[in-house]
Amino acid sequence: MENSALLMQCIAQQLNARRRELGWSLDKTAQATGVSKAMLGQIERQESSPTIATLWKIATGLQCSFSSFIGDAEHPQHKGGQAMNAGFCHDADMLVNTLFRYNPQTGMEAFEITLTNRHEQRSTAHSPGVTEHLHVLQGLLAVQQGGSWYQVKPTEQFVLQADQPHAYRDEHGLTRFIDIITYPR
């Protein structure tokens, strides 16, 4: 199965499983996530692939981690994660590689993110208390927090309060960074 189809299947199965675990209808899930009932149904039936921003809204509303939708559930300890950009057809200039799936003991997950072609990725607020620790590997990353933009150079770090709207932008043409997301426990 190709990467995008595998990713769509993984997202659909996780969405359905989490919704059932909570005992939520599509209506209740739509209210909690801010994603329409029609879109949620299309995602569950694998008729539509969500954008990265939409998937974050779903994860936040369902009170679960982003990596639970895109990680390899069968091999959670797999080293050298599989880059899962193919399924995010609407976000072709953003590659997300899962380094560490969410660990409930540490309350953390980690990704290597690559932005190309001066891509700007906007995100709604995540759950209260969520932070993102960013470390730039290559390029120049612009980060928006609280209405202000900050530039982060290679080898520099930035702690983002992700429980408010925020954004990332490639200022170089190709920017790679590590994103360690921490959830309150």
N, C-alpha and C. Protein backbone atom coordinates (compact mmCIF):
# COMPACT_ATOMS: atom_id res chain seq x y z
N MET A 1 0.85 -1.17 0.00
CA MET A 1 0.00 0.00 0.00
C MET A 1 0.89 1.23 0.00
N GLU A 2 0.58 2.22 -0.86
CA GLU A 2 1.43 3.41 -0.93
C GLU A 2 1.28 4.23 0.35
N ASN A 3 2.28 5.07 0.59
CA ASN A 3 2.38 5.84 1.83
C ASN A 3 1.13 6.68 2.11
N SER A 4 0.59 7.40 1.09
CA SER A 4 -0.56 8.27 1.33
C SER A 4 -1.80 7.46 1.68
N ALA A 5 -2.00 6.32 1.03
CA ALA A 5 -3.16 5.47 1.35
C ALA A 5 -3.01 4.87 2.75
N LEU A 6 -1.79 4.48 3.10
CA LEU A 6 -1.54 3.94 4.43
C LEU A 6 -1.79 5.00 5.51
N LEU A 7 -1.36 6.22 5.25
CA LEU A 7 -1.58 7.31 6.19
C LEU A 7 -3.07 7.60 6.33
N MET A 8 -3.80 7.67 5.22
CA MET A 8 -5.25 7.91 5.28
C MET A 8 -5.94 6.82 6.09
N GLN A 9 -5.53 5.58 5.90
CA GLN A 9 -6.11 4.46 6.63
C GLN A 9 -5.81 4.59 8.13
N CYS A 10 -4.59 4.92 8.47
CA CYS A 10 -4.18 5.08 9.87
C CYS A 10 -4.99 6.19 10.53
N ILE A 11 -5.13 7.33 9.86
CA ILE A 11 -5.89 8.46 10.40
C ILE A 11 -7.35 8.06 10.60
N ALA A 12 -7.93 7.41 9.58
CA ALA A 12 -9.35 6.99 9.66
C ALA A 12 -9.58 6.04 10.82
N GLN A 13 -8.71 5.06 10.97
CA GLN A 13 -8.87 4.07 12.04
C GLN A 13 -8.71 4.72 13.42
N GLN A 14 -7.73 5.60 13.57
CA GLN A 14 -7.51 6.26 14.86
C GLN A 14 -8.67 7.19 15.20
N LEU A 15 -9.17 7.93 14.23
CA LEU A 15 -10.30 8.83 14.45
C LEU A 15 -11.51 8.03 14.92
N ASN A 16 -11.81 6.96 14.21
CA ASN A 16 -12.96 6.13 14.56
C ASN A 16 -12.78 5.49 15.93
N ALA A 17 -11.61 4.95 16.19
CA ALA A 17 -11.35 4.28 17.48
C ALA A 17 -11.44 5.27 18.64
N ARG A 18 -10.85 6.45 18.49
CA ARG A 18 -10.88 7.43 19.57
C ARG A 18 -12.30 7.94 19.81
N ARG A 19 -13.03 8.16 18.74
CA ARG A 19 -14.41 8.62 18.85
C ARG A 19 -15.27 7.60 19.59
N ARG A 20 -15.09 6.33 19.24
CA ARG A 20 -15.85 5.26 19.91
C ARG A 20 -15.42 5.10 21.37
N GLU A 21 -14.13 5.25 21.63
CA GLU A 21 -13.63 5.17 23.00
C GLU A 21 -14.30 6.23 23.88
N LEU A 22 -14.51 7.41 23.31
CA LEU A 22 -15.15 8.50 24.05
C LEU A 22 -16.68 8.38 24.04
N GLY A 23 -17.21 7.51 23.17
CA GLY A 23 -18.65 7.36 23.04
C GLY A 23 -19.29 8.54 22.32
N TRP A 24 -18.52 9.17 21.42
CA TRP A 24 -18.98 10.38 20.74
C TRP A 24 -19.54 10.07 19.36
N SER A 25 -20.62 10.74 19.01
CA SER A 25 -21.16 10.72 17.65
C SER A 25 -20.32 11.64 16.78
N LEU A 26 -20.57 11.63 15.48
CA LEU A 26 -19.88 12.57 14.60
C LEU A 26 -20.27 14.01 14.96
N ASP A 27 -21.55 14.22 15.35
CA ASP A 27 -21.98 15.56 15.76
C ASP A 27 -21.18 16.06 16.95
N LYS A 28 -21.05 15.24 17.97
CA LYS A 28 -20.30 15.62 19.18
C LYS A 28 -18.83 15.87 18.84
N THR A 29 -18.27 15.02 17.98
CA THR A 29 -16.87 15.17 17.57
C THR A 29 -16.68 16.47 16.79
N ALA A 30 -17.64 16.80 15.93
CA ALA A 30 -17.57 18.06 15.17
C ALA A 30 -17.58 19.25 16.12
N GLN A 31 -18.44 19.20 17.13
CA GLN A 31 -18.51 20.30 18.10
C GLN A 31 -17.19 20.44 18.86
N ALA A 32 -16.61 19.32 19.25
CA ALA A 32 -15.38 19.35 20.05
C ALA A 32 -14.15 19.76 19.25
N THR A 33 -14.14 19.45 17.96
CA THR A 33 -12.94 19.68 17.15
C THR A 33 -13.01 20.94 16.29
N GLY A 34 -14.21 21.40 16.00
CA GLY A 34 -14.35 22.51 15.06
C GLY A 34 -14.20 22.08 13.62
N VAL A 35 -14.23 20.77 13.37
CA VAL A 35 -14.17 20.22 12.02
C VAL A 35 -15.57 19.72 11.69
N SER A 36 -16.07 20.01 10.51
CA SER A 36 -17.45 19.67 10.17
C SER A 36 -17.71 18.17 10.23
N LYS A 37 -18.96 17.84 10.53
CA LYS A 37 -19.39 16.44 10.56
C LYS A 37 -19.14 15.78 9.20
N ALA A 38 -19.42 16.51 8.12
CA ALA A 38 -19.21 15.96 6.78
C ALA A 38 -17.74 15.63 6.55
N MET A 39 -16.84 16.53 6.94
CA MET A 39 -15.41 16.29 6.75
C MET A 39 -14.94 15.12 7.61
N LEU A 40 -15.40 15.05 8.85
CA LEU A 40 -15.02 13.93 9.73
C LEU A 40 -15.46 12.61 9.11
N GLY A 41 -16.69 12.57 8.58
CA GLY A 41 -17.18 11.35 7.93
C GLY A 41 -16.34 10.98 6.72
N GLN A 42 -15.97 11.97 5.93
CA GLN A 42 -15.13 11.70 4.75
C GLN A 42 -13.76 11.16 5.16
N ILE A 43 -13.21 11.70 6.25
CA ILE A 43 -11.92 11.22 6.72
C ILE A 43 -12.04 9.78 7.21
N GLU A 44 -13.08 9.47 7.97
CA GLU A 44 -13.28 8.10 8.47
C GLU A 44 -13.50 7.11 7.34
N ARG A 45 -14.16 7.55 6.27
CA ARG A 45 -14.42 6.66 5.12
C ARG A 45 -13.24 6.67 4.13
N GLN A 46 -12.18 7.40 4.46
CA GLN A 46 -10.98 7.53 3.63
C GLN A 46 -11.29 8.14 2.27
N GLU A 47 -12.26 9.03 2.24
CA GLU A 47 -12.62 9.75 1.01
C GLU A 47 -11.90 11.09 0.93
N SER A 48 -11.33 11.52 2.04
CA SER A 48 -10.64 12.80 2.10
C SER A 48 -9.44 12.69 3.03
N SER A 49 -8.39 13.39 2.67
CA SER A 49 -7.20 13.43 3.51
C SER A 49 -7.15 14.80 4.18
N PRO A 50 -7.05 14.85 5.51
CA PRO A 50 -7.04 16.15 6.17
C PRO A 50 -5.71 16.89 5.98
N THR A 51 -5.77 18.20 6.08
CA THR A 51 -4.54 18.98 6.12
C THR A 51 -3.91 18.75 7.49
N ILE A 52 -2.67 19.16 7.63
CA ILE A 52 -2.00 19.05 8.92
C ILE A 52 -2.73 19.89 9.96
N ALA A 53 -3.17 21.09 9.58
CA ALA A 53 -3.90 21.95 10.52
C ALA A 53 -5.21 21.31 10.96
N THR A 54 -5.92 20.67 10.03
CA THR A 54 -7.17 19.99 10.38
C THR A 54 -6.90 18.82 11.31
N LEU A 55 -5.85 18.07 11.05
CA LEU A 55 -5.52 16.94 11.91
C LEU A 55 -5.17 17.41 13.32
N TRP A 56 -4.50 18.55 13.43
CA TRP A 56 -4.21 19.09 14.76
C TRP A 56 -5.51 19.46 15.48
N LYS A 57 -6.47 20.04 14.76
CA LYS A 57 -7.75 20.39 15.37
C LYS A 57 -8.46 19.13 15.87
N ILE A 58 -8.39 18.06 15.10
CA ILE A 58 -9.02 16.80 15.50
C ILE A 58 -8.33 16.24 16.74
N ALA A 59 -7.01 16.21 16.72
CA ALA A 59 -6.26 15.67 17.87
C ALA A 59 -6.56 16.49 19.13
N THR A 60 -6.58 17.80 19.00
CA THR A 60 -6.85 18.66 20.15
C THR A 60 -8.26 18.42 20.68
N GLY A 61 -9.24 18.39 19.80
CA GLY A 61 -10.62 18.18 20.21
C GLY A 61 -10.87 16.82 20.84
N LEU A 62 -10.16 15.81 20.35
CA LEU A 62 -10.30 14.45 20.88
C LEU A 62 -9.37 14.20 22.06
N GLN A 63 -8.60 15.23 22.43
CA GLN A 63 -7.69 15.17 23.57
C GLN A 63 -6.70 14.00 23.44
N CYS A 64 -6.07 13.95 22.28
CA CYS A 64 -5.04 12.93 22.06
C CYS A 64 -3.87 13.57 21.30
N SER A 65 -2.82 12.84 21.14
CA SER A 65 -1.61 13.38 20.51
C SER A 65 -1.71 13.37 18.99
N PHE A 66 -0.96 14.26 18.37
CA PHE A 66 -0.86 14.31 16.92
C PHE A 66 -0.25 13.01 16.38
N SER A 67 0.79 12.52 17.06
CA SER A 67 1.50 11.34 16.57
C SER A 67 0.64 10.08 16.61
N SER A 68 -0.41 10.08 17.42
CA SER A 68 -1.27 8.90 17.45
C SER A 68 -1.97 8.70 16.11
N PHE A 69 -2.09 9.74 15.32
CA PHE A 69 -2.72 9.62 14.01
C PHE A 69 -1.74 9.24 12.91
N ILE A 70 -0.48 9.59 13.05
CA ILE A 70 0.45 9.38 11.94
C ILE A 70 1.58 8.42 12.27
N GLY A 71 1.71 7.99 13.52
CA GLY A 71 2.80 7.09 13.90
C GLY A 71 2.51 5.66 13.50
N ASP A 72 3.48 4.85 13.67
CA ASP A 72 3.38 3.42 13.38
C ASP A 72 2.97 2.70 14.66
N ALA A 73 1.69 2.44 14.80
CA ALA A 73 1.17 1.83 16.02
C ALA A 73 1.72 0.42 16.25
N GLU A 74 2.03 -0.28 15.17
CA GLU A 74 2.53 -1.65 15.31
C GLU A 74 3.99 -1.69 15.76
N HIS A 75 4.73 -0.61 15.52
CA HIS A 75 6.14 -0.57 15.87
C HIS A 75 6.48 0.75 16.56
N PRO A 76 5.91 1.01 17.74
CA PRO A 76 6.12 2.30 18.39
C PRO A 76 7.57 2.58 18.77
N GLN A 77 8.40 1.58 18.85
CA GLN A 77 9.80 1.79 19.21
C GLN A 77 10.71 1.84 17.98
N HIS A 78 10.09 1.84 16.78
CA HIS A 78 10.84 1.85 15.52
C HIS A 78 11.79 3.04 15.48
N LYS A 79 13.04 2.78 15.15
CA LYS A 79 14.03 3.85 15.04
C LYS A 79 14.06 4.36 13.61
N GLY A 80 14.29 5.66 13.47
CA GLY A 80 14.34 6.25 12.13
C GLY A 80 12.95 6.28 11.54
N GLY A 81 12.07 7.07 12.12
CA GLY A 81 10.65 7.11 11.74
C GLY A 81 10.42 7.30 10.26
N GLN A 82 9.26 6.90 9.83
CA GLN A 82 8.87 7.01 8.44
C GLN A 82 8.30 8.41 8.18
N ALA A 83 8.84 9.12 7.23
CA ALA A 83 8.30 10.42 6.89
C ALA A 83 6.91 10.23 6.30
N MET A 84 5.95 10.99 6.81
CA MET A 84 4.57 10.77 6.43
C MET A 84 3.99 11.99 5.72
N ASN A 85 4.65 12.52 4.72
CA ASN A 85 4.12 13.70 4.05
C ASN A 85 3.18 13.36 2.91
N ALA A 86 3.26 12.19 2.34
CA ALA A 86 2.50 11.88 1.14
C ALA A 86 1.00 12.00 1.37
N GLY A 87 0.51 11.64 2.55
CA GLY A 87 -0.91 11.72 2.82
C GLY A 87 -1.41 13.13 3.01
N PHE A 88 -0.51 14.06 3.26
CA PHE A 88 -0.90 15.45 3.46
C PHE A 88 -0.78 16.18 2.13
N CYS A 89 -1.62 15.81 1.18
CA CYS A 89 -1.52 16.34 -0.17
C CYS A 89 -1.74 17.85 -0.22
N HIS A 90 -2.44 18.42 0.77
CA HIS A 90 -2.68 19.85 0.80
C HIS A 90 -1.50 20.60 1.41
N ASP A 91 -0.56 19.88 1.97
CA ASP A 91 0.60 20.48 2.63
C ASP A 91 1.88 19.94 2.01
N ALA A 92 1.99 20.03 0.70
CA ALA A 92 3.12 19.43 -0.02
C ALA A 92 4.45 20.04 0.38
N ASP A 93 4.45 21.24 0.92
CA ASP A 93 5.70 21.90 1.30
C ASP A 93 6.01 21.75 2.78
N MET A 94 5.38 20.76 3.42
CA MET A 94 5.66 20.47 4.83
C MET A 94 5.78 18.97 4.99
N LEU A 95 6.95 18.53 5.38
CA LEU A 95 7.24 17.12 5.61
C LEU A 95 7.34 16.91 7.11
N VAL A 96 6.56 15.94 7.64
CA VAL A 96 6.57 15.63 9.07
C VAL A 96 7.11 14.22 9.24
N ASN A 97 8.21 14.10 9.95
CA ASN A 97 8.82 12.81 10.22
C ASN A 97 8.72 12.56 11.72
N THR A 98 7.99 11.53 12.12
CA THR A 98 7.84 11.22 13.53
C THR A 98 9.14 10.62 14.07
N LEU A 99 9.75 11.29 15.04
CA LEU A 99 10.96 10.78 15.67
C LEU A 99 10.60 9.92 16.88
N PHE A 100 9.69 10.43 17.72
CA PHE A 100 9.20 9.69 18.88
C PHE A 100 7.70 9.89 18.97
N ARG A 101 6.96 8.78 18.95
CA ARG A 101 5.51 8.86 19.16
C ARG A 101 5.23 9.33 20.57
N TYR A 102 4.03 9.79 20.79
CA TYR A 102 3.63 10.26 22.11
C TYR A 102 3.87 9.19 23.16
N ASN A 103 4.47 9.59 24.28
CA ASN A 103 4.72 8.70 25.40
C ASN A 103 3.97 9.25 26.61
N PRO A 104 2.96 8.53 27.10
CA PRO A 104 2.18 9.05 28.23
C PRO A 104 3.00 9.20 29.51
N GLN A 105 4.10 8.47 29.63
CA GLN A 105 4.93 8.59 30.83
C GLN A 105 5.70 9.92 30.86
N THR A 106 6.11 10.39 29.70
CA THR A 106 6.85 11.65 29.64
C THR A 106 5.96 12.82 29.22
N GLY A 107 4.81 12.52 28.59
CA GLY A 107 3.94 13.58 28.08
C GLY A 107 4.53 14.29 26.88
N MET A 108 5.38 13.57 26.10
CA MET A 108 6.08 14.20 24.99
C MET A 108 5.98 13.37 23.71
N GLU A 109 6.15 14.06 22.59
CA GLU A 109 6.34 13.44 21.28
C GLU A 109 7.29 14.35 20.51
N ALA A 110 7.98 13.81 19.50
CA ALA A 110 8.96 14.62 18.77
C ALA A 110 8.89 14.35 17.27
N PHE A 111 9.09 15.42 16.52
CA PHE A 111 9.04 15.36 15.06
C PHE A 111 10.22 16.11 14.47
N GLU A 112 10.64 15.70 13.29
CA GLU A 112 11.53 16.51 12.47
C GLU A 112 10.65 17.07 11.37
N ILE A 113 10.62 18.38 11.24
CA ILE A 113 9.75 19.03 10.27
C ILE A 113 10.60 19.75 9.25
N THR A 114 10.25 19.58 7.98
CA THR A 114 10.92 20.27 6.89
C THR A 114 9.88 21.13 6.17
N LEU A 115 10.18 22.42 6.06
CA LEU A 115 9.36 23.35 5.30
C LEU A 115 10.15 23.76 4.07
N THR A 116 9.47 23.82 2.92
CA THR A 116 10.13 24.23 1.69
C THR A 116 9.32 25.33 1.01
N ASN A 117 9.97 25.98 0.05
CA ASN A 117 9.31 26.97 -0.80
C ASN A 117 8.63 28.09 -0.02
N ARG A 118 9.25 28.49 1.09
CA ARG A 118 8.75 29.58 1.94
C ARG A 118 7.34 29.31 2.47
N HIS A 119 7.08 28.04 2.69
CA HIS A 119 5.76 27.62 3.19
C HIS A 119 5.48 28.20 4.57
N GLU A 120 4.24 28.63 4.79
CA GLU A 120 3.79 29.10 6.10
C GLU A 120 2.70 28.17 6.59
N GLN A 121 2.87 27.64 7.79
CA GLN A 121 1.91 26.71 8.38
C GLN A 121 1.29 27.38 9.61
N ARG A 122 -0.01 27.60 9.57
CA ARG A 122 -0.72 28.22 10.68
C ARG A 122 -1.42 27.13 11.49
N SER A 123 -1.49 27.33 12.79
CA SER A 123 -2.12 26.35 13.67
C SER A 123 -3.03 27.05 14.67
N THR A 124 -4.17 26.43 14.91
CA THR A 124 -5.05 26.91 15.97
C THR A 124 -4.43 26.51 17.30
N ALA A 125 -4.98 27.03 18.37
CA ALA A 125 -4.47 26.70 19.71
C ALA A 125 -4.65 25.22 20.00
N HIS A 126 -3.62 24.62 20.59
CA HIS A 126 -3.71 23.24 21.06
C HIS A 126 -4.30 23.26 22.46
N SER A 127 -4.37 22.13 23.10
CA SER A 127 -4.94 22.03 24.45
C SER A 127 -4.17 22.92 25.43
N PRO A 128 -4.84 23.37 26.50
CA PRO A 128 -4.16 24.22 27.49
C PRO A 128 -2.89 23.57 28.04
N GLY A 129 -1.83 24.37 28.11
CA GLY A 129 -0.57 23.90 28.67
C GLY A 129 0.37 23.23 27.69
N VAL A 130 -0.03 23.03 26.43
CA VAL A 130 0.85 22.39 25.45
C VAL A 130 1.93 23.38 25.01
N THR A 131 3.18 22.93 25.01
CA THR A 131 4.29 23.73 24.52
C THR A 131 5.02 22.97 23.42
N GLU A 132 5.69 23.71 22.56
CA GLU A 132 6.52 23.13 21.51
C GLU A 132 7.92 23.70 21.68
N HIS A 133 8.88 22.80 21.81
CA HIS A 133 10.30 23.18 21.93
C HIS A 133 10.91 22.97 20.55
N LEU A 134 11.31 24.06 19.92
CA LEU A 134 11.82 24.02 18.54
C LEU A 134 13.33 24.18 18.54
N HIS A 135 13.99 23.39 17.71
CA HIS A 135 15.44 23.49 17.52
C HIS A 135 15.70 23.46 16.02
N VAL A 136 16.23 24.55 15.49
CA VAL A 136 16.45 24.65 14.04
C VAL A 136 17.74 23.95 13.65
N LEU A 137 17.63 23.09 12.65
CA LEU A 137 18.77 22.35 12.12
C LEU A 137 19.36 23.02 10.89
N GLN A 138 18.49 23.59 10.05
CA GLN A 138 18.93 24.12 8.75
C GLN A 138 17.95 25.20 8.31
N GLY A 139 18.45 26.23 7.64
CA GLY A 139 17.60 27.28 7.10
C GLY A 139 17.33 28.37 8.11
N LEU A 140 16.21 29.04 7.94
CA LEU A 140 15.80 30.12 8.84
C LEU A 140 14.31 29.98 9.08
N LEU A 141 13.94 29.81 10.34
CA LEU A 141 12.55 29.58 10.71
C LEU A 141 11.97 30.85 11.33
N ALA A 142 10.84 31.29 10.82
CA ALA A 142 10.09 32.36 11.46
C ALA A 142 8.97 31.70 12.25
N VAL A 143 8.79 32.14 13.49
CA VAL A 143 7.77 31.58 14.37
C VAL A 143 6.88 32.72 14.84
N GLN A 144 5.57 32.51 14.73
CA GLN A 144 4.63 33.52 15.20
C GLN A 144 4.01 33.06 16.51
N GLN A 145 4.06 33.94 17.49
CA GLN A 145 3.44 33.67 18.79
C GLN A 145 2.93 35.01 19.32
N GLY A 146 1.68 35.02 19.79
CA GLY A 146 1.14 36.24 20.35
C GLY A 146 1.11 37.41 19.39
N GLY A 147 0.97 37.14 18.11
CA GLY A 147 0.89 38.21 17.12
C GLY A 147 2.24 38.72 16.62
N SER A 148 3.34 38.30 17.24
CA SER A 148 4.68 38.74 16.82
C SER A 148 5.42 37.59 16.14
N TRP A 149 6.28 37.96 15.19
CA TRP A 149 7.13 36.99 14.49
C TRP A 149 8.54 37.05 15.06
N TYR A 150 9.15 35.87 15.21
CA TYR A 150 10.52 35.74 15.70
C TYR A 150 11.30 34.90 14.71
N GLN A 151 12.56 35.24 14.46
CA GLN A 151 13.41 34.45 13.58
C GLN A 151 14.32 33.56 14.42
N VAL A 152 14.41 32.29 14.01
CA VAL A 152 15.22 31.32 14.72
C VAL A 152 16.21 30.73 13.70
N LYS A 153 17.50 30.86 14.00
CA LYS A 153 18.57 30.41 13.11
C LYS A 153 19.02 29.00 13.48
N PRO A 154 19.81 28.36 12.59
CA PRO A 154 20.34 27.03 12.91
C PRO A 154 21.08 27.05 14.24
N THR A 155 20.91 26.01 14.99
CA THR A 155 21.44 25.74 16.33
C THR A 155 20.73 26.55 17.42
N GLU A 156 19.76 27.38 17.06
CA GLU A 156 19.01 28.14 18.05
C GLU A 156 17.70 27.41 18.40
N GLN A 157 17.17 27.77 19.58
CA GLN A 157 15.94 27.15 20.06
C GLN A 157 14.88 28.22 20.32
N PHE A 158 13.64 27.76 20.37
CA PHE A 158 12.50 28.63 20.68
C PHE A 158 11.46 27.78 21.39
N VAL A 159 10.93 28.26 22.50
CA VAL A 159 9.84 27.56 23.20
C VAL A 159 8.55 28.29 22.86
N LEU A 160 7.67 27.59 22.23
CA LEU A 160 6.41 28.13 21.73
C LEU A 160 5.27 27.72 22.64
N GLN A 161 4.50 28.68 23.08
CA GLN A 161 3.29 28.40 23.86
C GLN A 161 2.22 28.00 22.86
N ALA A 162 2.04 26.70 22.66
CA ALA A 162 1.19 26.20 21.59
C ALA A 162 -0.29 26.15 21.96
N ASP A 163 -0.61 26.61 23.17
CA ASP A 163 -2.02 26.66 23.56
C ASP A 163 -2.67 27.98 23.14
N GLN A 164 -2.03 28.65 22.19
CA GLN A 164 -2.59 29.84 21.55
C GLN A 164 -2.29 29.71 20.06
N PRO A 165 -3.03 30.43 19.20
CA PRO A 165 -2.74 30.34 17.76
C PRO A 165 -1.28 30.67 17.49
N HIS A 166 -0.69 29.95 16.54
CA HIS A 166 0.73 30.15 16.22
C HIS A 166 0.99 29.74 14.78
N ALA A 167 2.19 30.04 14.31
CA ALA A 167 2.53 29.71 12.92
C ALA A 167 4.04 29.52 12.79
N TYR A 168 4.42 28.82 11.71
CA TYR A 168 5.82 28.64 11.34
C TYR A 168 5.94 29.07 9.88
N ARG A 169 7.10 29.59 9.51
CA ARG A 169 7.32 29.96 8.12
C ARG A 169 8.77 29.71 7.75
N ASP A 170 8.98 29.11 6.59
CA ASP A 170 10.32 28.92 6.02
C ASP A 170 10.76 30.24 5.42
N GLU A 171 11.84 30.78 5.92
CA GLU A 171 12.37 32.06 5.43
C GLU A 171 13.54 31.87 4.48
N HIS A 172 13.88 30.63 4.17
CA HIS A 172 15.13 30.36 3.47
C HIS A 172 14.92 29.62 2.15
N GLY A 173 13.82 28.94 1.97
CA GLY A 173 13.59 28.08 0.81
C GLY A 173 13.57 26.62 1.22
N LEU A 174 14.30 26.30 2.30
CA LEU A 174 14.29 24.97 2.90
C LEU A 174 14.73 25.13 4.35
N THR A 175 13.84 24.78 5.26
CA THR A 175 14.14 24.88 6.68
C THR A 175 13.76 23.58 7.36
N ARG A 176 14.70 23.04 8.15
CA ARG A 176 14.44 21.81 8.93
C ARG A 176 14.58 22.14 10.40
N PHE A 177 13.65 21.59 11.20
CA PHE A 177 13.74 21.79 12.65
C PHE A 177 13.13 20.62 13.40
N ILE A 178 13.58 20.48 14.62
CA ILE A 178 13.03 19.49 15.54
C ILE A 178 11.93 20.17 16.34
N ASP A 179 10.80 19.49 16.50
CA ASP A 179 9.67 20.01 17.27
C ASP A 179 9.33 18.98 18.34
N ILE A 180 9.65 19.31 19.59
CA ILE A 180 9.32 18.43 20.72
C ILE A 180 8.10 19.02 21.39
N ILE A 181 7.00 18.28 21.35
CA ILE A 181 5.74 18.76 21.90
C ILE A 181 5.53 18.14 23.26
N THR A 182 5.22 18.99 24.24
CA THR A 182 4.97 18.50 25.59
C THR A 182 3.52 18.82 25.96
N TYR A 183 2.87 17.82 26.55
CA TYR A 183 1.49 17.93 27.00
C TYR A 183 1.48 17.92 28.51
N PRO A 184 0.62 18.73 29.14
CA PRO A 184 0.55 18.69 30.61
C PRO A 184 0.07 17.33 31.08
N ARG A 185 0.60 16.87 32.22
CA ARG A 185 0.18 15.57 32.73
C ARG A 185 -0.52 15.73 34.04
